[in-house]
Every structure is written in C-alpha cells, then in structure tokens.
N, C-alpha and C. Protein backbone atom coordinates (compact mmCIF):
# COMPACT_ATOMS: atom_id res chain seq x y z
N MET A 1 71.99 149.03 39.74
CA MET A 1 72.90 149.36 40.81
C MET A 1 72.49 148.58 42.06
N ASP A 2 73.47 147.89 42.68
CA ASP A 2 73.18 147.17 43.91
C ASP A 2 72.78 148.14 45.00
N GLU A 3 71.85 147.72 45.82
CA GLU A 3 71.44 148.57 46.93
C GLU A 3 72.08 148.16 48.24
N PHE A 4 72.96 147.14 48.19
CA PHE A 4 73.63 146.67 49.39
C PHE A 4 75.13 146.55 49.12
N LEU A 5 75.92 146.85 50.13
CA LEU A 5 77.37 146.67 50.05
C LEU A 5 77.83 145.87 51.26
N GLY A 6 78.83 145.02 51.06
CA GLY A 6 79.40 144.25 52.15
C GLY A 6 80.91 144.24 52.12
N PHE A 7 81.50 144.96 51.19
CA PHE A 7 82.95 145.04 51.06
C PHE A 7 83.37 146.40 51.57
N ALA A 8 84.41 146.46 52.41
CA ALA A 8 84.77 147.72 53.05
C ALA A 8 86.25 148.02 52.94
N LEU A 9 86.56 149.31 52.86
CA LEU A 9 87.91 149.84 52.90
C LEU A 9 88.17 150.32 54.32
N LYS A 10 89.20 149.78 54.95
CA LYS A 10 89.57 150.23 56.29
C LYS A 10 90.41 151.50 56.17
N GLU A 11 90.06 152.50 56.97
CA GLU A 11 90.79 153.77 56.94
C GLU A 11 90.70 154.41 58.31
N TRP A 12 91.73 155.22 58.65
CA TRP A 12 91.71 155.92 59.92
C TRP A 12 90.38 156.64 60.10
N ALA A 13 89.84 156.59 61.31
CA ALA A 13 88.55 157.23 61.61
C ALA A 13 88.59 158.72 61.30
N VAL A 14 89.71 159.38 61.58
CA VAL A 14 89.82 160.82 61.31
C VAL A 14 89.74 161.09 59.80
N ALA A 15 90.26 160.19 58.99
CA ALA A 15 90.17 160.34 57.53
C ALA A 15 88.74 160.12 57.05
N VAL A 16 88.07 159.11 57.61
CA VAL A 16 86.67 158.86 57.24
C VAL A 16 85.82 160.08 57.58
N GLU A 17 86.06 160.65 58.75
CA GLU A 17 85.31 161.85 59.16
C GLU A 17 85.54 163.00 58.18
N ALA A 18 86.79 163.20 57.76
CA ALA A 18 87.11 164.28 56.81
C ALA A 18 86.47 164.03 55.45
N LEU A 19 86.47 162.78 55.01
CA LEU A 19 85.80 162.43 53.75
C LEU A 19 84.30 162.72 53.83
N GLU A 20 83.69 162.30 54.92
CA GLU A 20 82.25 162.51 55.09
C GLU A 20 81.89 163.99 55.15
N ALA A 21 82.79 164.80 55.69
CA ALA A 21 82.54 166.24 55.81
C ALA A 21 82.80 166.97 54.50
N GLY A 22 83.38 166.27 53.52
CA GLY A 22 83.70 166.91 52.25
C GLY A 22 84.98 167.72 52.31
N SER A 23 85.76 167.56 53.38
CA SER A 23 87.02 168.29 53.53
C SER A 23 88.10 167.77 52.61
N THR A 24 87.96 166.53 52.16
CA THR A 24 88.89 165.92 51.23
C THR A 24 88.14 164.87 50.41
N ILE A 25 88.71 164.54 49.28
CA ILE A 25 88.19 163.43 48.47
C ILE A 25 89.32 162.45 48.15
N LEU A 26 90.49 162.68 48.79
CA LEU A 26 91.71 161.98 48.41
C LEU A 26 92.25 161.13 49.54
N LEU A 27 92.65 159.91 49.21
CA LEU A 27 93.38 159.04 50.13
C LEU A 27 94.70 158.65 49.49
N LEU A 28 95.73 158.52 50.31
CA LEU A 28 97.04 158.03 49.90
C LEU A 28 97.20 156.64 50.49
N ARG A 29 97.50 155.65 49.66
CA ARG A 29 97.62 154.28 50.18
C ARG A 29 98.81 153.56 49.59
N LYS A 30 99.40 152.68 50.40
CA LYS A 30 100.36 151.70 49.91
C LYS A 30 99.88 150.31 50.33
N GLY A 31 98.92 150.27 51.19
CA GLY A 31 98.40 148.98 51.63
C GLY A 31 98.95 148.58 52.97
N GLY A 32 98.28 147.61 53.58
CA GLY A 32 98.69 147.11 54.88
C GLY A 32 99.72 146.00 54.74
N ILE A 33 100.30 145.62 55.85
CA ILE A 33 101.31 144.58 55.88
C ILE A 33 100.74 143.25 55.39
N ARG A 34 99.48 143.00 55.66
CA ARG A 34 98.86 141.72 55.31
C ARG A 34 98.10 141.74 53.99
N GLU A 35 98.48 142.63 53.08
CA GLU A 35 97.80 142.68 51.79
C GLU A 35 98.08 141.40 51.01
N GLU A 36 97.12 140.99 50.22
CA GLU A 36 97.30 139.82 49.36
C GLU A 36 98.46 140.09 48.40
N ASN A 37 99.38 139.16 48.29
CA ASN A 37 100.59 139.28 47.46
C ASN A 37 101.47 140.46 47.86
N GLY A 38 101.26 140.99 49.08
CA GLY A 38 102.10 142.07 49.58
C GLY A 38 101.92 143.41 48.91
N ARG A 39 100.86 143.56 48.12
CA ARG A 39 100.64 144.81 47.39
C ARG A 39 99.20 145.28 47.57
N PHE A 40 99.04 146.57 47.54
CA PHE A 40 97.71 147.17 47.56
C PHE A 40 97.08 146.98 46.19
N LYS A 41 95.82 146.59 46.15
CA LYS A 41 95.10 146.52 44.88
C LYS A 41 93.63 146.81 45.15
N ILE A 42 92.95 147.18 44.10
CA ILE A 42 91.54 147.56 44.22
C ILE A 42 90.72 146.59 43.39
N ASP A 43 89.82 145.89 44.07
CA ASP A 43 88.95 144.92 43.39
C ASP A 43 87.52 145.43 43.23
N GLN A 44 87.17 146.43 43.99
CA GLN A 44 85.81 146.97 43.99
C GLN A 44 85.87 148.47 43.78
N ASP A 45 84.90 149.02 43.09
CA ASP A 45 84.90 150.48 42.94
C ASP A 45 83.85 151.15 43.82
N ARG A 46 83.08 150.34 44.55
CA ARG A 46 82.10 150.87 45.51
C ARG A 46 82.28 150.11 46.81
N VAL A 47 82.61 150.85 47.88
CA VAL A 47 82.97 150.21 49.15
C VAL A 47 82.41 150.98 50.34
N LEU A 48 82.13 150.25 51.39
CA LEU A 48 81.82 150.88 52.67
C LEU A 48 83.10 151.46 53.23
N LEU A 49 82.99 152.47 54.08
CA LEU A 49 84.14 153.02 54.77
C LEU A 49 84.13 152.53 56.21
N TYR A 50 85.15 151.76 56.57
CA TYR A 50 85.26 151.13 57.88
C TYR A 50 86.29 151.91 58.69
N PRO A 51 85.85 152.70 59.70
CA PRO A 51 86.79 153.52 60.46
C PRO A 51 87.64 152.69 61.43
N THR A 52 88.94 152.98 61.45
CA THR A 52 89.85 152.32 62.38
C THR A 52 90.48 153.36 63.29
N PHE A 53 90.92 152.90 64.45
CA PHE A 53 91.47 153.81 65.45
C PHE A 53 92.90 153.45 65.86
N GLU A 54 93.27 152.19 65.73
CA GLU A 54 94.50 151.69 66.34
C GLU A 54 95.77 152.39 65.86
N HIS A 55 95.95 152.62 64.59
CA HIS A 55 97.21 153.15 64.09
C HIS A 55 97.19 154.65 63.79
N GLN A 56 96.14 155.34 64.19
CA GLN A 56 96.10 156.78 63.96
C GLN A 56 97.21 157.46 64.74
N LYS A 57 97.92 158.36 64.09
CA LYS A 57 99.01 159.09 64.75
C LYS A 57 98.83 160.57 64.47
N SER A 58 98.61 161.33 65.53
CA SER A 58 98.36 162.76 65.36
C SER A 58 99.55 163.48 64.74
N ASP A 59 100.79 162.98 64.96
CA ASP A 59 101.96 163.66 64.42
C ASP A 59 102.14 163.45 62.92
N LEU A 60 101.28 162.62 62.30
CA LEU A 60 101.32 162.41 60.85
C LEU A 60 100.18 163.16 60.13
N LEU A 61 99.43 163.94 60.92
CA LEU A 61 98.29 164.68 60.38
C LEU A 61 98.51 166.18 60.49
N LYS A 62 97.85 166.91 59.62
CA LYS A 62 97.84 168.36 59.76
C LYS A 62 97.20 168.67 61.12
N PRO A 63 97.59 169.79 61.77
CA PRO A 63 97.13 170.06 63.14
C PRO A 63 95.62 170.00 63.33
N GLU A 64 94.86 170.52 62.38
CA GLU A 64 93.40 170.54 62.54
C GLU A 64 92.79 169.14 62.57
N TYR A 65 93.51 168.14 62.06
CA TYR A 65 93.04 166.76 62.10
C TYR A 65 93.72 165.98 63.22
N GLY A 66 94.98 166.29 63.49
CA GLY A 66 95.71 165.63 64.57
C GLY A 66 95.07 165.85 65.91
N ASN A 67 94.45 167.02 66.10
CA ASN A 67 93.78 167.33 67.36
C ASN A 67 92.53 166.47 67.59
N LYS A 68 92.05 165.78 66.56
CA LYS A 68 90.84 164.96 66.68
C LYS A 68 91.14 163.50 67.02
N VAL A 69 92.42 163.14 67.00
CA VAL A 69 92.81 161.75 67.23
C VAL A 69 92.82 161.44 68.72
N GLU A 70 92.14 160.36 69.07
CA GLU A 70 92.17 159.86 70.44
C GLU A 70 93.08 158.65 70.49
N PHE A 71 94.00 158.63 71.45
CA PHE A 71 94.92 157.52 71.58
C PHE A 71 94.19 156.27 72.03
N VAL A 72 94.49 155.14 71.40
CA VAL A 72 93.98 153.84 71.84
C VAL A 72 95.17 152.89 71.96
N GLU A 73 95.04 151.91 72.80
CA GLU A 73 96.09 150.92 73.00
C GLU A 73 96.29 150.10 71.74
N SER A 74 97.50 149.57 71.58
CA SER A 74 97.78 148.65 70.48
C SER A 74 96.85 147.44 70.61
N ASN A 75 96.43 146.93 69.49
CA ASN A 75 95.48 145.80 69.42
C ASN A 75 94.09 146.17 69.93
N PHE A 76 93.76 147.46 69.94
CA PHE A 76 92.42 147.89 70.32
C PHE A 76 91.41 147.43 69.28
N HIS A 77 90.34 146.84 69.75
CA HIS A 77 89.25 146.43 68.87
C HIS A 77 87.93 146.78 69.55
N PRO A 78 87.11 147.58 68.92
CA PRO A 78 85.83 147.92 69.53
C PRO A 78 84.88 146.72 69.46
N GLU A 79 83.89 146.72 70.29
CA GLU A 79 82.88 145.65 70.25
C GLU A 79 81.98 145.81 69.04
N THR A 80 81.74 147.08 68.68
CA THR A 80 80.92 147.37 67.50
C THR A 80 81.61 148.46 66.69
N VAL A 81 81.25 148.53 65.42
CA VAL A 81 81.81 149.53 64.51
C VAL A 81 80.66 150.26 63.84
N LYS A 82 80.74 151.59 63.82
CA LYS A 82 79.70 152.39 63.18
C LYS A 82 80.11 152.66 61.73
N ILE A 83 79.31 152.16 60.81
CA ILE A 83 79.51 152.42 59.38
C ILE A 83 78.50 153.51 59.00
N SER A 84 79.02 154.66 58.58
CA SER A 84 78.11 155.77 58.28
C SER A 84 78.22 156.28 56.85
N SER A 85 79.09 155.64 56.05
CA SER A 85 79.25 156.12 54.68
C SER A 85 79.83 155.04 53.78
N TRP A 86 79.75 155.34 52.49
CA TRP A 86 80.37 154.48 51.48
C TRP A 86 80.97 155.37 50.42
N ALA A 87 81.82 154.76 49.59
CA ALA A 87 82.53 155.55 48.58
C ALA A 87 82.49 154.87 47.23
N GLU A 88 82.40 155.71 46.22
CA GLU A 88 82.65 155.27 44.85
C GLU A 88 84.06 155.74 44.53
N ILE A 89 84.94 154.79 44.22
CA ILE A 89 86.31 155.14 43.86
C ILE A 89 86.30 155.53 42.39
N THR A 90 86.45 156.82 42.13
CA THR A 90 86.32 157.32 40.76
C THR A 90 87.64 157.33 40.00
N ASP A 91 88.74 157.48 40.72
CA ASP A 91 90.05 157.58 40.08
C ASP A 91 91.08 156.86 40.94
N VAL A 92 92.04 156.23 40.27
CA VAL A 92 93.17 155.61 40.94
C VAL A 92 94.42 156.00 40.15
N PHE A 93 95.38 156.63 40.84
CA PHE A 93 96.64 157.02 40.22
C PHE A 93 97.77 156.36 40.99
N LEU A 94 98.74 155.83 40.29
CA LEU A 94 99.95 155.30 40.90
C LEU A 94 101.04 156.33 40.69
N VAL A 95 101.55 156.87 41.79
CA VAL A 95 102.52 157.96 41.71
C VAL A 95 103.75 157.59 42.54
N ALA A 96 104.92 157.68 41.94
CA ALA A 96 106.16 157.37 42.63
C ALA A 96 107.07 158.59 42.74
N HIS A 97 106.77 159.65 42.01
CA HIS A 97 107.59 160.86 41.97
C HIS A 97 107.28 161.71 43.20
N GLU A 98 108.25 161.84 44.11
CA GLU A 98 108.02 162.54 45.37
C GLU A 98 107.47 163.96 45.20
N PRO A 99 108.02 164.80 44.29
CA PRO A 99 107.45 166.14 44.14
C PRO A 99 105.97 166.11 43.73
N ALA A 100 105.56 165.14 42.93
CA ALA A 100 104.16 165.05 42.53
C ALA A 100 103.27 164.72 43.72
N ILE A 101 103.75 163.85 44.59
CA ILE A 101 102.97 163.48 45.79
C ILE A 101 102.92 164.67 46.75
N LYS A 102 104.04 165.35 46.92
CA LYS A 102 104.06 166.52 47.81
C LYS A 102 103.19 167.65 47.28
N ALA A 103 103.02 167.74 45.97
CA ALA A 103 102.15 168.78 45.39
C ALA A 103 100.68 168.57 45.78
N LEU A 104 100.34 167.36 46.22
CA LEU A 104 98.97 167.06 46.63
C LEU A 104 98.68 167.43 48.09
N LEU A 105 99.68 167.92 48.80
CA LEU A 105 99.54 168.25 50.22
C LEU A 105 98.31 169.10 50.54
N PRO A 106 97.95 170.09 49.74
CA PRO A 106 96.76 170.90 50.08
C PRO A 106 95.43 170.13 50.00
N TYR A 107 95.45 168.94 49.40
CA TYR A 107 94.19 168.27 49.10
C TYR A 107 93.86 167.09 50.01
N HIS A 108 94.66 166.86 51.04
CA HIS A 108 94.37 165.75 51.96
C HIS A 108 94.68 166.15 53.40
N ILE A 109 94.51 165.23 54.34
CA ILE A 109 94.61 165.55 55.77
C ILE A 109 95.97 165.30 56.38
N TRP A 110 96.87 164.62 55.64
CA TRP A 110 98.16 164.24 56.20
C TRP A 110 99.20 165.34 56.02
N ASN A 111 100.27 165.25 56.83
CA ASN A 111 101.34 166.24 56.72
C ASN A 111 102.54 165.65 55.96
N GLU A 112 103.61 166.43 55.84
CA GLU A 112 104.78 165.99 55.08
C GLU A 112 105.47 164.78 55.72
N ASN A 113 105.38 164.65 57.04
CA ASN A 113 105.97 163.47 57.70
C ASN A 113 105.29 162.19 57.22
N PHE A 114 103.97 162.23 57.08
CA PHE A 114 103.24 161.06 56.59
C PHE A 114 103.69 160.71 55.17
N ILE A 115 103.82 161.73 54.33
CA ILE A 115 104.24 161.50 52.95
C ILE A 115 105.63 160.87 52.92
N SER A 116 106.54 161.39 53.72
CA SER A 116 107.90 160.83 53.78
C SER A 116 107.87 159.37 54.23
N GLU A 117 107.07 159.08 55.27
CA GLU A 117 106.97 157.70 55.75
C GLU A 117 106.41 156.77 54.68
N ARG A 118 105.36 157.22 53.99
CA ARG A 118 104.77 156.39 52.92
C ARG A 118 105.78 156.10 51.82
N LEU A 119 106.56 157.10 51.46
CA LEU A 119 107.54 156.93 50.39
C LEU A 119 108.67 155.99 50.80
N LYS A 120 109.06 156.02 52.08
CA LYS A 120 110.15 155.17 52.56
C LYS A 120 109.72 153.72 52.72
N TRP A 121 108.45 153.49 53.07
CA TRP A 121 107.97 152.13 53.27
C TRP A 121 107.73 151.50 51.90
N LYS A 122 108.31 150.34 51.67
CA LYS A 122 108.24 149.68 50.37
C LYS A 122 108.60 150.69 49.27
N PRO A 123 109.84 151.21 49.29
CA PRO A 123 110.20 152.32 48.40
C PRO A 123 110.11 152.04 46.91
N HIS A 124 110.07 150.78 46.52
CA HIS A 124 109.98 150.46 45.09
C HIS A 124 108.53 150.39 44.61
N GLN A 125 107.59 150.57 45.54
CA GLN A 125 106.18 150.55 45.15
C GLN A 125 105.64 151.98 45.12
N PRO A 126 104.80 152.29 44.16
CA PRO A 126 104.23 153.65 44.09
C PRO A 126 103.18 153.85 45.19
N VAL A 127 102.85 155.09 45.39
CA VAL A 127 101.74 155.45 46.27
C VAL A 127 100.48 155.46 45.42
N TYR A 128 99.42 154.85 45.93
CA TYR A 128 98.13 154.89 45.26
C TYR A 128 97.39 156.14 45.72
N ILE A 129 96.97 156.93 44.77
CA ILE A 129 96.15 158.11 45.04
C ILE A 129 94.72 157.73 44.65
N LEU A 130 93.83 157.72 45.62
CA LEU A 130 92.43 157.38 45.36
C LEU A 130 91.58 158.63 45.48
N LEU A 131 90.72 158.86 44.50
CA LEU A 131 89.71 159.91 44.60
C LEU A 131 88.39 159.22 44.87
N LEU A 132 87.72 159.67 45.91
CA LEU A 132 86.50 159.01 46.34
C LEU A 132 85.32 159.97 46.38
N LYS A 133 84.24 159.54 45.78
CA LYS A 133 82.98 160.26 45.87
C LYS A 133 82.23 159.62 47.04
N ILE A 134 82.00 160.39 48.09
CA ILE A 134 81.47 159.87 49.35
C ILE A 134 79.96 160.07 49.43
N TYR A 135 79.31 159.04 49.97
CA TYR A 135 77.88 159.08 50.22
C TYR A 135 77.63 158.71 51.68
N LYS A 136 76.85 159.53 52.36
CA LYS A 136 76.50 159.23 53.75
C LYS A 136 75.23 158.40 53.78
N LEU A 137 75.26 157.36 54.61
CA LEU A 137 74.08 156.52 54.76
C LEU A 137 72.97 157.33 55.42
N PRO A 138 71.71 157.04 55.09
CA PRO A 138 70.63 157.79 55.73
C PRO A 138 70.66 157.64 57.25
N GLN A 139 71.09 156.46 57.70
CA GLN A 139 71.27 156.21 59.13
C GLN A 139 72.52 155.35 59.30
N PRO A 140 73.44 155.75 60.19
CA PRO A 140 74.61 154.91 60.41
C PRO A 140 74.19 153.49 60.83
N GLN A 141 74.97 152.54 60.41
CA GLN A 141 74.70 151.14 60.74
C GLN A 141 75.78 150.65 61.70
N ILE A 142 75.36 149.94 62.72
CA ILE A 142 76.28 149.39 63.71
C ILE A 142 76.48 147.92 63.38
N ILE A 143 77.74 147.53 63.18
CA ILE A 143 78.03 146.12 62.95
C ILE A 143 78.88 145.61 64.11
N ILE A 144 78.77 144.34 64.37
CA ILE A 144 79.55 143.73 65.44
C ILE A 144 80.95 143.42 64.92
N TYR A 145 81.93 143.83 65.70
CA TYR A 145 83.32 143.58 65.33
C TYR A 145 83.57 142.07 65.26
N GLN A 146 84.28 141.66 64.23
CA GLN A 146 84.67 140.26 64.06
C GLN A 146 86.19 140.18 64.00
N LYS A 147 86.75 139.11 64.52
CA LYS A 147 88.21 138.95 64.55
C LYS A 147 88.81 139.05 63.15
N GLU A 148 88.09 138.56 62.13
CA GLU A 148 88.64 138.60 60.77
C GLU A 148 88.74 140.03 60.21
N TYR A 149 88.16 141.02 60.89
CA TYR A 149 88.28 142.41 60.46
C TYR A 149 89.62 143.02 60.90
N SER A 150 90.31 142.37 61.83
CA SER A 150 91.53 142.94 62.41
C SER A 150 92.73 142.76 61.48
N GLY A 151 93.80 143.39 61.84
CA GLY A 151 95.05 143.24 61.11
C GLY A 151 95.31 144.38 60.14
N CYS A 152 96.54 144.43 59.70
CA CYS A 152 96.99 145.49 58.79
C CYS A 152 96.65 145.11 57.36
N LYS A 153 95.41 145.25 57.03
CA LYS A 153 94.94 145.00 55.67
C LYS A 153 93.96 146.10 55.32
N SER A 154 93.86 146.39 54.06
CA SER A 154 93.03 147.51 53.61
C SER A 154 91.57 147.14 53.41
N TRP A 155 91.31 145.90 53.04
CA TRP A 155 89.97 145.50 52.61
C TRP A 155 89.42 144.40 53.51
N ILE A 156 88.14 144.48 53.80
CA ILE A 156 87.47 143.40 54.53
C ILE A 156 86.10 143.15 53.91
N LYS A 157 85.65 141.94 54.05
CA LYS A 157 84.28 141.57 53.69
C LYS A 157 83.52 141.51 55.00
N THR A 158 82.54 142.38 55.15
CA THR A 158 81.76 142.39 56.39
C THR A 158 80.80 141.20 56.40
N ASN A 159 80.42 140.79 57.59
CA ASN A 159 79.46 139.69 57.71
C ASN A 159 78.04 140.15 57.47
N GLU A 160 77.88 141.44 57.25
CA GLU A 160 76.55 141.99 57.00
C GLU A 160 76.60 142.85 55.74
N ASN A 161 75.56 142.75 54.94
CA ASN A 161 75.41 143.66 53.81
C ASN A 161 74.61 144.86 54.30
N ILE A 162 75.07 146.03 53.94
CA ILE A 162 74.45 147.27 54.41
C ILE A 162 73.78 147.95 53.24
N THR A 163 72.54 148.37 53.47
CA THR A 163 71.81 149.06 52.41
C THR A 163 72.38 150.46 52.21
N ILE A 164 72.51 150.83 50.94
CA ILE A 164 72.99 152.17 50.60
C ILE A 164 71.88 153.01 49.95
N LYS A 165 70.69 152.44 49.94
CA LYS A 165 69.54 153.13 49.37
C LYS A 165 69.31 154.45 50.12
N ASN A 166 68.99 155.49 49.36
CA ASN A 166 68.72 156.83 49.90
C ASN A 166 69.95 157.49 50.53
N SER A 167 71.14 157.07 50.12
CA SER A 167 72.36 157.73 50.62
C SER A 167 72.44 159.15 50.07
N ILE A 168 73.14 159.98 50.81
CA ILE A 168 73.24 161.40 50.48
C ILE A 168 74.68 161.74 50.14
N PRO A 169 74.95 162.33 48.97
CA PRO A 169 76.32 162.69 48.62
C PRO A 169 76.91 163.70 49.61
N ALA A 170 78.17 163.51 49.97
CA ALA A 170 78.85 164.45 50.87
C ALA A 170 79.07 165.79 50.17
N LEU A 171 79.26 165.76 48.86
CA LEU A 171 79.45 166.96 48.05
C LEU A 171 78.49 166.90 46.86
N THR A 172 78.12 168.06 46.35
CA THR A 172 77.33 168.07 45.13
C THR A 172 78.22 167.57 43.99
N GLU A 173 77.61 167.21 42.90
CA GLU A 173 78.36 166.75 41.72
C GLU A 173 79.35 167.82 41.27
N ALA A 174 78.90 169.08 41.25
CA ALA A 174 79.78 170.18 40.82
C ALA A 174 80.95 170.37 41.78
N GLU A 175 80.70 170.30 43.09
CA GLU A 175 81.78 170.45 44.08
C GLU A 175 82.79 169.31 43.93
N TYR A 176 82.27 168.09 43.77
CA TYR A 176 83.16 166.94 43.63
C TYR A 176 84.01 167.09 42.36
N ASN A 177 83.38 167.40 41.25
CA ASN A 177 84.10 167.53 39.98
C ASN A 177 85.16 168.62 40.03
N LYS A 178 84.86 169.72 40.71
CA LYS A 178 85.84 170.81 40.82
C LYS A 178 87.08 170.32 41.56
N GLN A 179 86.89 169.66 42.72
CA GLN A 179 88.03 169.15 43.49
C GLN A 179 88.78 168.07 42.71
N ALA A 180 88.03 167.15 42.12
CA ALA A 180 88.65 166.04 41.38
C ALA A 180 89.46 166.56 40.20
N ASN A 181 88.92 167.52 39.47
CA ASN A 181 89.64 168.07 38.31
C ASN A 181 90.91 168.79 38.73
N THR A 182 90.87 169.51 39.84
CA THR A 182 92.06 170.19 40.35
C THR A 182 93.14 169.17 40.70
N ILE A 183 92.76 168.10 41.38
CA ILE A 183 93.72 167.06 41.76
C ILE A 183 94.25 166.35 40.53
N ARG A 184 93.38 166.04 39.58
CA ARG A 184 93.83 165.38 38.34
C ARG A 184 94.85 166.24 37.62
N GLN A 185 94.61 167.56 37.55
CA GLN A 185 95.54 168.46 36.89
C GLN A 185 96.88 168.54 37.64
N THR A 186 96.81 168.51 38.95
CA THR A 186 98.04 168.54 39.76
C THR A 186 98.87 167.29 39.52
N ILE A 187 98.20 166.13 39.42
CA ILE A 187 98.92 164.88 39.15
C ILE A 187 99.49 164.88 37.73
N ALA A 188 98.72 165.38 36.78
CA ALA A 188 99.16 165.39 35.37
C ALA A 188 100.28 166.38 35.12
N ASN A 189 100.33 167.44 35.91
CA ASN A 189 101.34 168.50 35.72
C ASN A 189 102.10 168.76 37.01
N PRO A 190 102.88 167.76 37.46
CA PRO A 190 103.59 167.94 38.73
C PRO A 190 104.67 169.01 38.62
N PRO A 191 105.09 169.53 39.74
CA PRO A 191 106.13 170.58 39.71
C PRO A 191 107.46 170.05 39.19
C-alpha cells in the first residue's frame, strides 16, 4: 500500500467536514464543467479530499449543513488549502432513476433542490453515487494553492504528495459496513 497520495477529489468544504465527522459516507456527483470528455469518471480508488468553498450554496443543503456555509466571492481562491483527510472509494453506482436517488436523501447532506438540480443538469447522464471510507490524517497538511487546481473539475493532481501513514478511520469498520450496506440495499431496492 502506498504511503503517499497526490491525487485529490475536489468537494465542497461542508461535505468534506461531514465525511470526516462520519455524518455521511455518500457523495452525489455528475462532474464539473471541465471534466475530461465532458463526463465524470473515476481513475483512482484512493484520493485526498480537497475542500472547496466557491460554489457552496446553503439553499442546496439540509439546514444543519447549510448553516455552516460561509459565502465567498466568485473566483475565490485561498492562498493555502488544508488537506485533513483521504478516502477509499469503495463503491460507485450510476443511478438515473429519480425515485432511487431521492430514496438516498437520508444518507447525505444535500436537500431535494440539490437532487433536482443534479438531475436536470446533463439530464442524459446518470448521477454517480460514491461510497467513501474516510481516513483522517494524523496532522492536517497545508498545501499552497496552485492555479491549475482551479476550475470546475472534480480531480486534481497536487504538486505535493501527502503521507497517509498512521491515518485514523472516521468510522469503525462495523459502522462503515452498516451504513454502506443500508445504502447498497436502498440502491438495489428503490421505491
């Protein structure tokens, strides 16, 4: 197992915080505007979590998460970025059936408005449901923001490799498996 990672998944900071807290293990993705070939795809199953702030919208989150969003100006870029966790992507589901996606509402941080927006954007593409096993770094690492990290894209290669040695799971194996199995069953048996 590699002890260093340099490939990162960009995600709203509020979502990264919820993943690290063990409040969710699920992300809904369709990809950014600048995705390679215009589609979301997964090339790595172990990635750093790179928190973003620019496109967070409190009105697309459940109230307990929307209250944590701080407004930033468009094109906001911090001088440094704190990387405090990484994820093992354990499951990837492509779901296009709206009732099946709405059935997952209890298991993530977004509200029904977010789900509707995701379904309307690129309507012929499915929503990617990612289940992530989160590990917190023993000490958060600060990286310097680079221009190539910007833009509406899901994946970036950081200019620094970050050690993941001695990382701590956000959830125990049993807790993770319980949540993952419930979500898998919900996807397999939609309403």
